[in-house]
Amino acid sequence: ATVATNLFYDVIVVTDSSIIYNEIVNNGGKAMMSIKEHECG
């Protein structure tokens, strides 16, 4: 839904979960793994 707005230079999911990372990447999207633990988004 975010990509479909065509408003952004890039759209990236940033996550602490390999499950979520793989879900996005395996469906042709862009994702990054967090390096540290974080309390909030």
ModelCIF file with pLDDT and N, C-alpha, C, O atoms, coordinates in Angstrom:
data_MODEL
#
_entry.id   MODEL 
#
_entity.id                         1 
_entity.type                       polymer 
_entity.pdbx_number_of_molecules   1 
#
_entity_poly.entity_id                      1 
_entity_poly.type                           'polypeptide(L)' 
_entity_poly.nstd_linkage                   no 
_entity_poly.nstd_monomer                   no 
_entity_poly.pdbx_seq_one_letter_code       ATVATNLFYDVIVVTDSSIIYNEIVNNGGKAMMSIKEHECG 
_entity_poly.pdbx_seq_one_letter_code_can   ATVATNLFYDVIVVTDSSIIYNEIVNNGGKAMMSIKEHECG 
_entity_poly.pdbx_strand_id                 A 
#
loop_
_entity_poly_seq.entity_id 
_entity_poly_seq.num 
_entity_poly_seq.mon_id 
_entity_poly_seq.hetero 
1 1  ALA n 
1 2  THR n 
1 3  VAL n 
1 4  ALA n 
1 5  THR n 
1 6  ASN n 
1 7  LEU n 
1 8  PHE n 
1 9  TYR n 
1 10 ASP n 
1 11 VAL n 
1 12 ILE n 
1 13 VAL n 
1 14 VAL n 
1 15 THR n 
1 16 ASP n 
1 17 SER n 
1 18 SER n 
1 19 ILE n 
1 20 ILE n 
1 21 TYR n 
1 22 ASN n 
1 23 GLU n 
1 24 ILE n 
1 25 VAL n 
1 26 ASN n 
1 27 ASN n 
1 28 GLY n 
1 29 GLY n 
1 30 LYS n 
1 31 ALA n 
1 32 MET n 
1 33 MET n 
1 34 SER n 
1 35 ILE n 
1 36 LYS n 
1 37 GLU n 
1 38 HIS n 
1 39 GLU n 
1 40 CYS n 
1 41 GLY n 
#
_struct_asym.id          A 
_struct_asym.entity_id   1 
#
loop_
_ma_qa_metric.id 
_ma_qa_metric.mode 
_ma_qa_metric.name 
_ma_qa_metric.software_group_id 
_ma_qa_metric.type 
1 global pLDDT . pLDDT 
2 local  pLDDT . pLDDT 
#
_ma_qa_metric_global.metric_id      1 
_ma_qa_metric_global.metric_value   90.49 
_ma_qa_metric_global.model_id       1 
_ma_qa_metric_global.ordinal_id     1 
#
loop_
_ma_qa_metric_local.label_asym_id 
_ma_qa_metric_local.label_comp_id 
_ma_qa_metric_local.label_seq_id 
_ma_qa_metric_local.metric_id 
_ma_qa_metric_local.metric_value 
_ma_qa_metric_local.model_id 
_ma_qa_metric_local.ordinal_id 
A ALA 1  2 94.00 1 1  
A THR 2  2 95.00 1 2  
A VAL 3  2 96.00 1 3  
A ALA 4  2 96.00 1 4  
A THR 5  2 95.00 1 5  
A ASN 6  2 96.00 1 6  
A LEU 7  2 95.00 1 7  
A PHE 8  2 96.00 1 8  
A TYR 9  2 95.00 1 9  
A ASP 10 2 95.00 1 10 
A VAL 11 2 97.00 1 11 
A ILE 12 2 95.00 1 12 
A VAL 13 2 96.00 1 13 
A VAL 14 2 92.00 1 14 
A THR 15 2 91.00 1 15 
A ASP 16 2 87.00 1 16 
A SER 17 2 91.00 1 17 
A SER 18 2 94.00 1 18 
A ILE 19 2 95.00 1 19 
A ILE 20 2 95.00 1 20 
A TYR 21 2 96.00 1 21 
A ASN 22 2 97.00 1 22 
A GLU 23 2 97.00 1 23 
A ILE 24 2 97.00 1 24 
A VAL 25 2 98.00 1 25 
A ASN 26 2 98.00 1 26 
A ASN 27 2 97.00 1 27 
A GLY 28 2 97.00 1 28 
A GLY 29 2 97.00 1 29 
A LYS 30 2 97.00 1 30 
A ALA 31 2 96.00 1 31 
A MET 32 2 93.00 1 32 
A MET 33 2 90.00 1 33 
A SER 34 2 81.00 1 34 
A ILE 35 2 78.00 1 35 
A LYS 36 2 72.00 1 36 
A GLU 37 2 75.00 1 37 
A HIS 38 2 62.00 1 38 
A GLU 39 2 68.00 1 39 
A CYS 40 2 69.00 1 40 
A GLY 41 2 69.00 1 41 
#
loop_
_atom_site.group_PDB 
_atom_site.id 
_atom_site.type_symbol 
_atom_site.label_atom_id 
_atom_site.label_alt_id 
_atom_site.label_comp_id 
_atom_site.label_asym_id 
_atom_site.label_entity_id 
_atom_site.label_seq_id 
_atom_site.pdbx_PDB_ins_code 
_atom_site.Cartn_x 
_atom_site.Cartn_y 
_atom_site.Cartn_z 
_atom_site.occupancy 
_atom_site.B_iso_or_equiv 
_atom_site.pdbx_formal_charge 
_atom_site.auth_seq_id 
_atom_site.auth_comp_id 
_atom_site.auth_asym_id 
_atom_site.auth_atom_id 
_atom_site.pdbx_PDB_model_num 
ATOM 1   N N  . ALA A 1 1  ? 0.833  -1.209  0.000  1.00 94.00 ? 1  ALA A N  1 
ATOM 2   C CA . ALA A 1 1  ? 0.000  0.000   0.000  1.00 94.00 ? 1  ALA A CA 1 
ATOM 3   C C  . ALA A 1 1  ? 0.865  1.256   0.000  1.00 94.00 ? 1  ALA A C  1 
ATOM 4   O O  . ALA A 1 1  ? 0.525  2.247   -0.645 1.00 94.00 ? 1  ALA A O  1 
ATOM 5   N N  . THR A 1 2  ? 1.972  1.214   0.716  1.00 95.00 ? 2  THR A N  1 
ATOM 6   C CA . THR A 1 2  ? 2.874  2.365   0.775  1.00 95.00 ? 2  THR A CA 1 
ATOM 7   C C  . THR A 1 2  ? 3.580  2.580   -0.564 1.00 95.00 ? 2  THR A C  1 
ATOM 8   O O  . THR A 1 2  ? 3.686  3.708   -1.044 1.00 95.00 ? 2  THR A O  1 
ATOM 9   N N  . VAL A 1 3  ? 4.058  1.495   -1.158 1.00 96.00 ? 3  VAL A N  1 
ATOM 10  C CA . VAL A 1 3  ? 4.710  1.576   -2.471 1.00 96.00 ? 3  VAL A CA 1 
ATOM 11  C C  . VAL A 1 3  ? 3.733  2.110   -3.518 1.00 96.00 ? 3  VAL A C  1 
ATOM 12  O O  . VAL A 1 3  ? 4.105  2.906   -4.379 1.00 96.00 ? 3  VAL A O  1 
ATOM 13  N N  . ALA A 1 4  ? 2.475  1.660   -3.431 1.00 96.00 ? 4  ALA A N  1 
ATOM 14  C CA . ALA A 1 4  ? 1.466  2.007   -4.440 1.00 96.00 ? 4  ALA A CA 1 
ATOM 15  C C  . ALA A 1 4  ? 1.120  3.495   -4.459 1.00 96.00 ? 4  ALA A C  1 
ATOM 16  O O  . ALA A 1 4  ? 0.522  3.974   -5.423 1.00 96.00 ? 4  ALA A O  1 
ATOM 17  N N  . THR A 1 5  ? 1.489  4.237   -3.402 1.00 95.00 ? 5  THR A N  1 
ATOM 18  C CA . THR A 1 5  ? 1.219  5.678   -3.411 1.00 95.00 ? 5  THR A CA 1 
ATOM 19  C C  . THR A 1 5  ? 2.104  6.427   -4.417 1.00 95.00 ? 5  THR A C  1 
ATOM 20  O O  . THR A 1 5  ? 1.760  7.523   -4.859 1.00 95.00 ? 5  THR A O  1 
ATOM 21  N N  . ASN A 1 6  ? 3.248  5.825   -4.773 1.00 96.00 ? 6  ASN A N  1 
ATOM 22  C CA . ASN A 1 6  ? 4.205  6.458   -5.708 1.00 96.00 ? 6  ASN A CA 1 
ATOM 23  C C  . ASN A 1 6  ? 4.689  7.824   -5.224 1.00 96.00 ? 6  ASN A C  1 
ATOM 24  O O  . ASN A 1 6  ? 4.966  8.715   -6.027 1.00 96.00 ? 6  ASN A O  1 
ATOM 25  N N  . LEU A 1 7  ? 4.787  7.975   -3.910 1.00 95.00 ? 7  LEU A N  1 
ATOM 26  C CA . LEU A 1 7  ? 5.209  9.251   -3.334 1.00 95.00 ? 7  LEU A CA 1 
ATOM 27  C C  . LEU A 1 7  ? 6.678  9.270   -2.926 1.00 95.00 ? 7  LEU A C  1 
ATOM 28  O O  . LEU A 1 7  ? 7.226  10.329  -2.619 1.00 95.00 ? 7  LEU A O  1 
ATOM 29  N N  . PHE A 1 8  ? 7.320  8.095   -2.923 1.00 96.00 ? 8  PHE A N  1 
ATOM 30  C CA . PHE A 1 8  ? 8.609  7.983   -2.257 1.00 96.00 ? 8  PHE A CA 1 
ATOM 31  C C  . PHE A 1 8  ? 9.742  7.560   -3.186 1.00 96.00 ? 8  PHE A C  1 
ATOM 32  O O  . PHE A 1 8  ? 9.563  6.777   -4.118 1.00 96.00 ? 8  PHE A O  1 
ATOM 33  N N  . TYR A 1 9  ? 10.915 8.113   -2.890 1.00 95.00 ? 9  TYR A N  1 
ATOM 34  C CA . TYR A 1 9  ? 12.132 7.702   -3.579 1.00 95.00 ? 9  TYR A CA 1 
ATOM 35  C C  . TYR A 1 9  ? 12.410 6.231   -3.289 1.00 95.00 ? 9  TYR A C  1 
ATOM 36  O O  . TYR A 1 9  ? 12.915 5.513   -4.151 1.00 95.00 ? 9  TYR A O  1 
ATOM 37  N N  . ASP A 1 10 ? 12.080 5.775   -2.065 1.00 95.00 ? 10 ASP A N  1 
ATOM 38  C CA . ASP A 1 10 ? 12.277 4.382   -1.684 1.00 95.00 ? 10 ASP A CA 1 
ATOM 39  C C  . ASP A 1 10 ? 11.325 4.044   -0.544 1.00 95.00 ? 10 ASP A C  1 
ATOM 40  O O  . ASP A 1 10 ? 10.928 4.920   0.225  1.00 95.00 ? 10 ASP A O  1 
ATOM 41  N N  . VAL A 1 11 ? 10.962 2.765   -0.439 1.00 97.00 ? 11 VAL A N  1 
ATOM 42  C CA . VAL A 1 11 ? 10.165 2.247   0.680  1.00 97.00 ? 11 VAL A CA 1 
ATOM 43  C C  . VAL A 1 11 ? 10.887 1.014   1.219  1.00 97.00 ? 11 VAL A C  1 
ATOM 44  O O  . VAL A 1 11 ? 11.172 0.079   0.471  1.00 97.00 ? 11 VAL A O  1 
ATOM 45  N N  . ILE A 1 12 ? 11.183 1.017   2.523  1.00 95.00 ? 12 ILE A N  1 
ATOM 46  C CA . ILE A 1 12 ? 11.983 -0.051  3.125  1.00 95.00 ? 12 ILE A CA 1 
ATOM 47  C C  . ILE A 1 12 ? 11.345 -0.483  4.441  1.00 95.00 ? 12 ILE A C  1 
ATOM 48  O O  . ILE A 1 12 ? 10.988 0.355   5.269  1.00 95.00 ? 12 ILE A O  1 
ATOM 49  N N  . VAL A 1 13 ? 11.206 -1.785  4.629  1.00 96.00 ? 13 VAL A N  1 
ATOM 50  C CA . VAL A 1 13 ? 10.802 -2.343  5.927  1.00 96.00 ? 13 VAL A CA 1 
ATOM 51  C C  . VAL A 1 13 ? 12.071 -2.547  6.750  1.00 96.00 ? 13 VAL A C  1 
ATOM 52  O O  . VAL A 1 13 ? 13.034 -3.145  6.269  1.00 96.00 ? 13 VAL A O  1 
ATOM 53  N N  . VAL A 1 14 ? 12.076 -2.058  7.980  1.00 92.00 ? 14 VAL A N  1 
ATOM 54  C CA . VAL A 1 14 ? 13.221 -2.264  8.869  1.00 92.00 ? 14 VAL A CA 1 
ATOM 55  C C  . VAL A 1 14 ? 12.734 -3.059  10.077 1.00 92.00 ? 14 VAL A C  1 
ATOM 56  O O  . VAL A 1 14 ? 11.796 -2.652  10.762 1.00 92.00 ? 14 VAL A O  1 
ATOM 57  N N  . THR A 1 15 ? 13.389 -4.207  10.333 1.00 91.00 ? 15 THR A N  1 
ATOM 58  C CA . THR A 1 15 ? 12.839 -5.181  11.263 1.00 91.00 ? 15 THR A CA 1 
ATOM 59  C C  . THR A 1 15 ? 13.913 -5.881  12.083 1.00 91.00 ? 15 THR A C  1 
ATOM 60  O O  . THR A 1 15 ? 15.089 -5.892  11.718 1.00 91.00 ? 15 THR A O  1 
ATOM 61  N N  . ASP A 1 16 ? 13.485 -6.464  13.195 1.00 87.00 ? 16 ASP A N  1 
ATOM 62  C CA . ASP A 1 16 ? 14.372 -7.294  14.013 1.00 87.00 ? 16 ASP A CA 1 
ATOM 63  C C  . ASP A 1 16 ? 14.129 -8.781  13.754 1.00 87.00 ? 16 ASP A C  1 
ATOM 64  O O  . ASP A 1 16 ? 14.719 -9.634  14.417 1.00 87.00 ? 16 ASP A O  1 
ATOM 65  N N  . SER A 1 17 ? 13.270 -9.085  12.802 1.00 91.00 ? 17 SER A N  1 
ATOM 66  C CA . SER A 1 17 ? 12.806 -10.454 12.584 1.00 91.00 ? 17 SER A CA 1 
ATOM 67  C C  . SER A 1 17 ? 13.199 -10.981 11.206 1.00 91.00 ? 17 SER A C  1 
ATOM 68  O O  . SER A 1 17 ? 12.893 -10.359 10.189 1.00 91.00 ? 17 SER A O  1 
ATOM 69  N N  . SER A 1 18 ? 13.867 -12.112 11.177 1.00 94.00 ? 18 SER A N  1 
ATOM 70  C CA . SER A 1 18 ? 14.203 -12.736 9.892  1.00 94.00 ? 18 SER A CA 1 
ATOM 71  C C  . SER A 1 18 ? 12.943 -13.213 9.181  1.00 94.00 ? 18 SER A C  1 
ATOM 72  O O  . SER A 1 18 ? 12.917 -13.290 7.952  1.00 94.00 ? 18 SER A O  1 
ATOM 73  N N  . ILE A 1 19 ? 11.905 -13.533 9.937  1.00 95.00 ? 19 ILE A N  1 
ATOM 74  C CA . ILE A 1 19 ? 10.634 -13.968 9.343  1.00 95.00 ? 19 ILE A CA 1 
ATOM 75  C C  . ILE A 1 19 ? 10.036 -12.827 8.515  1.00 95.00 ? 19 ILE A C  1 
ATOM 76  O O  . ILE A 1 19 ? 9.636  -13.027 7.368  1.00 95.00 ? 19 ILE A O  1 
ATOM 77  N N  . ILE A 1 20 ? 9.978  -11.626 9.109  1.00 95.00 ? 20 ILE A N  1 
ATOM 78  C CA . ILE A 1 20 ? 9.429  -10.466 8.403  1.00 95.00 ? 20 ILE A CA 1 
ATOM 79  C C  . ILE A 1 20 ? 10.355 -10.048 7.257  1.00 95.00 ? 20 ILE A C  1 
ATOM 80  O O  . ILE A 1 20 ? 9.888  -9.726  6.165  1.00 95.00 ? 20 ILE A O  1 
ATOM 81  N N  . TYR A 1 21 ? 11.651 -10.055 7.505  1.00 96.00 ? 21 TYR A N  1 
ATOM 82  C CA . TYR A 1 21 ? 12.629 -9.707  6.457  1.00 96.00 ? 21 TYR A CA 1 
ATOM 83  C C  . TYR A 1 21 ? 12.426 -10.597 5.232  1.00 96.00 ? 21 TYR A C  1 
ATOM 84  O O  . TYR A 1 21 ? 12.347 -10.106 4.106  1.00 96.00 ? 21 TYR A O  1 
ATOM 85  N N  . ASN A 1 22 ? 12.342 -11.896 5.459  1.00 97.00 ? 22 ASN A N  1 
ATOM 86  C CA . ASN A 1 22 ? 12.177 -12.839 4.340  1.00 97.00 ? 22 ASN A CA 1 
ATOM 87  C C  . ASN A 1 22 ? 10.830 -12.673 3.656  1.00 97.00 ? 22 ASN A C  1 
ATOM 88  O O  . ASN A 1 22 ? 10.727 -12.843 2.441  1.00 97.00 ? 22 ASN A O  1 
ATOM 89  N N  . GLU A 1 23 ? 9.801  -12.344 4.421  1.00 97.00 ? 23 GLU A N  1 
ATOM 90  C CA . GLU A 1 23 ? 8.471  -12.134 3.849  1.00 97.00 ? 23 GLU A CA 1 
ATOM 91  C C  . GLU A 1 23 ? 8.497  -11.010 2.822  1.00 97.00 ? 23 GLU A C  1 
ATOM 92  O O  . GLU A 1 23 ? 7.909  -11.129 1.746  1.00 97.00 ? 23 GLU A O  1 
ATOM 93  N N  . ILE A 1 24 ? 9.172  -9.932  3.152  1.00 97.00 ? 24 ILE A N  1 
ATOM 94  C CA . ILE A 1 24 ? 9.230  -8.785  2.241  1.00 97.00 ? 24 ILE A CA 1 
ATOM 95  C C  . ILE A 1 24 ? 10.151 -9.066  1.058  1.00 97.00 ? 24 ILE A C  1 
ATOM 96  O O  . ILE A 1 24 ? 9.766  -8.857  -0.092 1.00 97.00 ? 24 ILE A O  1 
ATOM 97  N N  . VAL A 1 25 ? 11.349 -9.532  1.331  1.00 98.00 ? 25 VAL A N  1 
ATOM 98  C CA . VAL A 1 25 ? 12.335 -9.754  0.268  1.00 98.00 ? 25 VAL A CA 1 
ATOM 99  C C  . VAL A 1 25 ? 11.880 -10.842 -0.703 1.00 98.00 ? 25 VAL A C  1 
ATOM 100 O O  . VAL A 1 25 ? 12.067 -10.720 -1.914 1.00 98.00 ? 25 VAL A O  1 
ATOM 101 N N  . ASN A 1 26 ? 11.291 -11.890 -0.174 1.00 98.00 ? 26 ASN A N  1 
ATOM 102 C CA . ASN A 1 26 ? 10.836 -12.996 -1.034 1.00 98.00 ? 26 ASN A CA 1 
ATOM 103 C C  . ASN A 1 26 ? 9.652  -12.607 -1.911 1.00 98.00 ? 26 ASN A C  1 
ATOM 104 O O  . ASN A 1 26 ? 9.320  -13.303 -2.870 1.00 98.00 ? 26 ASN A O  1 
ATOM 105 N N  . ASN A 1 27 ? 9.023  -11.489 -1.570 1.00 97.00 ? 27 ASN A N  1 
ATOM 106 C CA . ASN A 1 27 ? 7.918  -10.982 -2.392 1.00 97.00 ? 27 ASN A CA 1 
ATOM 107 C C  . ASN A 1 27 ? 8.332  -9.748  -3.199 1.00 97.00 ? 27 ASN A C  1 
ATOM 108 O O  . ASN A 1 27 ? 7.489  -8.958  -3.623 1.00 97.00 ? 27 ASN A O  1 
ATOM 109 N N  . GLY A 1 28 ? 9.640  -9.598  -3.402 1.00 97.00 ? 28 GLY A N  1 
ATOM 110 C CA . GLY A 1 28 ? 10.140 -8.545  -4.276 1.00 97.00 ? 28 GLY A CA 1 
ATOM 111 C C  . GLY A 1 28 ? 10.295 -7.182  -3.647 1.00 97.00 ? 28 GLY A C  1 
ATOM 112 O O  . GLY A 1 28 ? 10.517 -6.199  -4.353 1.00 97.00 ? 28 GLY A O  1 
ATOM 113 N N  . GLY A 1 29 ? 10.180 -7.101  -2.319 1.00 97.00 ? 29 GLY A N  1 
ATOM 114 C CA . GLY A 1 29 ? 10.287 -5.814  -1.646 1.00 97.00 ? 29 GLY A CA 1 
ATOM 115 C C  . GLY A 1 29 ? 11.666 -5.560  -1.071 1.00 97.00 ? 29 GLY A C  1 
ATOM 116 O O  . GLY A 1 29 ? 12.572 -6.381  -1.214 1.00 97.00 ? 29 GLY A O  1 
ATOM 117 N N  . LYS A 1 30 ? 11.819 -4.403  -0.412 1.00 97.00 ? 30 LYS A N  1 
ATOM 118 C CA . LYS A 1 30 ? 13.084 -4.024  0.210  1.00 97.00 ? 30 LYS A CA 1 
ATOM 119 C C  . LYS A 1 30 ? 12.945 -4.062  1.731  1.00 97.00 ? 30 LYS A C  1 
ATOM 120 O O  . LYS A 1 30 ? 11.959 -3.584  2.293  1.00 97.00 ? 30 LYS A O  1 
ATOM 121 N N  . ALA A 1 31 ? 13.956 -4.643  2.384  1.00 96.00 ? 31 ALA A N  1 
ATOM 122 C CA . ALA A 1 31 ? 13.942 -4.735  3.843  1.00 96.00 ? 31 ALA A CA 1 
ATOM 123 C C  . ALA A 1 31 ? 15.360 -4.650  4.384  1.00 96.00 ? 31 ALA A C  1 
ATOM 124 O O  . ALA A 1 31 ? 16.327 -4.968  3.691  1.00 96.00 ? 31 ALA A O  1 
ATOM 125 N N  . MET A 1 32 ? 15.467 -4.211  5.650  1.00 93.00 ? 32 MET A N  1 
ATOM 126 C CA . MET A 1 32 ? 16.742 -4.137  6.354  1.00 93.00 ? 32 MET A CA 1 
ATOM 127 C C  . MET A 1 32 ? 16.571 -4.772  7.718  1.00 93.00 ? 32 MET A C  1 
ATOM 128 O O  . MET A 1 32 ? 15.502 -4.684  8.323  1.00 93.00 ? 32 MET A O  1 
ATOM 129 N N  . MET A 1 33 ? 17.631 -5.417  8.206  1.00 90.00 ? 33 MET A N  1 
ATOM 130 C CA . MET A 1 33 ? 17.633 -5.941  9.567  1.00 90.00 ? 33 MET A CA 1 
ATOM 131 C C  . MET A 1 33 ? 18.235 -4.904  10.507 1.00 90.00 ? 33 MET A C  1 
ATOM 132 O O  . MET A 1 33 ? 19.270 -4.312  10.201 1.00 90.00 ? 33 MET A O  1 
ATOM 133 N N  . SER A 1 34 ? 17.592 -4.685  11.645 1.00 81.00 ? 34 SER A N  1 
ATOM 134 C CA . SER A 1 34 ? 18.153 -3.808  12.668 1.00 81.00 ? 34 SER A CA 1 
ATOM 135 C C  . SER A 1 34 ? 19.423 -4.431  13.239 1.00 81.00 ? 34 SER A C  1 
ATOM 136 O O  . SER A 1 34 ? 19.544 -5.651  13.353 1.00 81.00 ? 34 SER A O  1 
ATOM 137 N N  . ILE A 1 35 ? 20.364 -3.558  13.594 1.00 78.00 ? 35 ILE A N  1 
ATOM 138 C CA . ILE A 1 35 ? 21.608 -4.037  14.184 1.00 78.00 ? 35 ILE A CA 1 
ATOM 139 C C  . ILE A 1 35 ? 21.460 -4.201  15.694 1.00 78.00 ? 35 ILE A C  1 
ATOM 140 O O  . ILE A 1 35 ? 21.948 -5.169  16.275 1.00 78.00 ? 35 ILE A O  1 
ATOM 141 N N  . LYS A 1 36 ? 20.769 -3.226  16.329 1.00 72.00 ? 36 LYS A N  1 
ATOM 142 C CA . LYS A 1 36 ? 20.597 -3.234  17.782 1.00 72.00 ? 36 LYS A CA 1 
ATOM 143 C C  . LYS A 1 36 ? 19.158 -3.574  18.148 1.00 72.00 ? 36 LYS A C  1 
ATOM 144 O O  . LYS A 1 36 ? 18.273 -3.598  17.293 1.00 72.00 ? 36 LYS A O  1 
ATOM 145 N N  . GLU A 1 37 ? 18.941 -3.839  19.445 1.00 75.00 ? 37 GLU A N  1 
ATOM 146 C CA . GLU A 1 37 ? 17.588 -3.949  19.978 1.00 75.00 ? 37 GLU A CA 1 
ATOM 147 C C  . GLU A 1 37 ? 17.034 -2.543  20.178 1.00 75.00 ? 37 GLU A C  1 
ATOM 148 O O  . GLU A 1 37 ? 17.766 -1.643  20.589 1.00 75.00 ? 37 GLU A O  1 
ATOM 149 N N  . HIS A 1 38 ? 15.748 -2.345  19.892 1.00 62.00 ? 38 HIS A N  1 
ATOM 150 C CA . HIS A 1 38 ? 15.164 -1.010  20.013 1.00 62.00 ? 38 HIS A CA 1 
ATOM 151 C C  . HIS A 1 38 ? 13.840 -1.071  20.766 1.00 62.00 ? 38 HIS A C  1 
ATOM 152 O O  . HIS A 1 38 ? 13.075 -2.029  20.654 1.00 62.00 ? 38 HIS A O  1 
ATOM 153 N N  . GLU A 1 39 ? 13.594 0.011   21.554 1.00 68.00 ? 39 GLU A N  1 
ATOM 154 C CA . GLU A 1 39 ? 12.364 0.107   22.332 1.00 68.00 ? 39 GLU A CA 1 
ATOM 155 C C  . GLU A 1 39 ? 11.184 0.583   21.486 1.00 68.00 ? 39 GLU A C  1 
ATOM 156 O O  . GLU A 1 39 ? 10.034 0.269   21.793 1.00 68.00 ? 39 GLU A O  1 
ATOM 157 N N  . CYS A 1 40 ? 11.463 1.340   20.420 1.00 69.00 ? 40 CYS A N  1 
ATOM 158 C CA . CYS A 1 40 ? 10.361 1.923   19.651 1.00 69.00 ? 40 CYS A CA 1 
ATOM 159 C C  . CYS A 1 40 ? 10.738 2.021   18.180 1.00 69.00 ? 40 CYS A C  1 
ATOM 160 O O  . CYS A 1 40 ? 11.901 1.870   17.804 1.00 69.00 ? 40 CYS A O  1 
ATOM 161 N N  . GLY A 1 41 ? 9.727  2.277   17.361 1.00 69.00 ? 41 GLY A N  1 
ATOM 162 C CA . GLY A 1 41 ? 9.906  2.339   15.920 1.00 69.00 ? 41 GLY A CA 1 
ATOM 163 C C  . GLY A 1 41 ? 10.801 3.485   15.479 1.00 69.00 ? 41 GLY A C  1 
ATOM 164 O O  . GLY A 1 41 ? 11.040 3.657   14.284 1.00 69.00 ? 41 GLY A O  1 
#
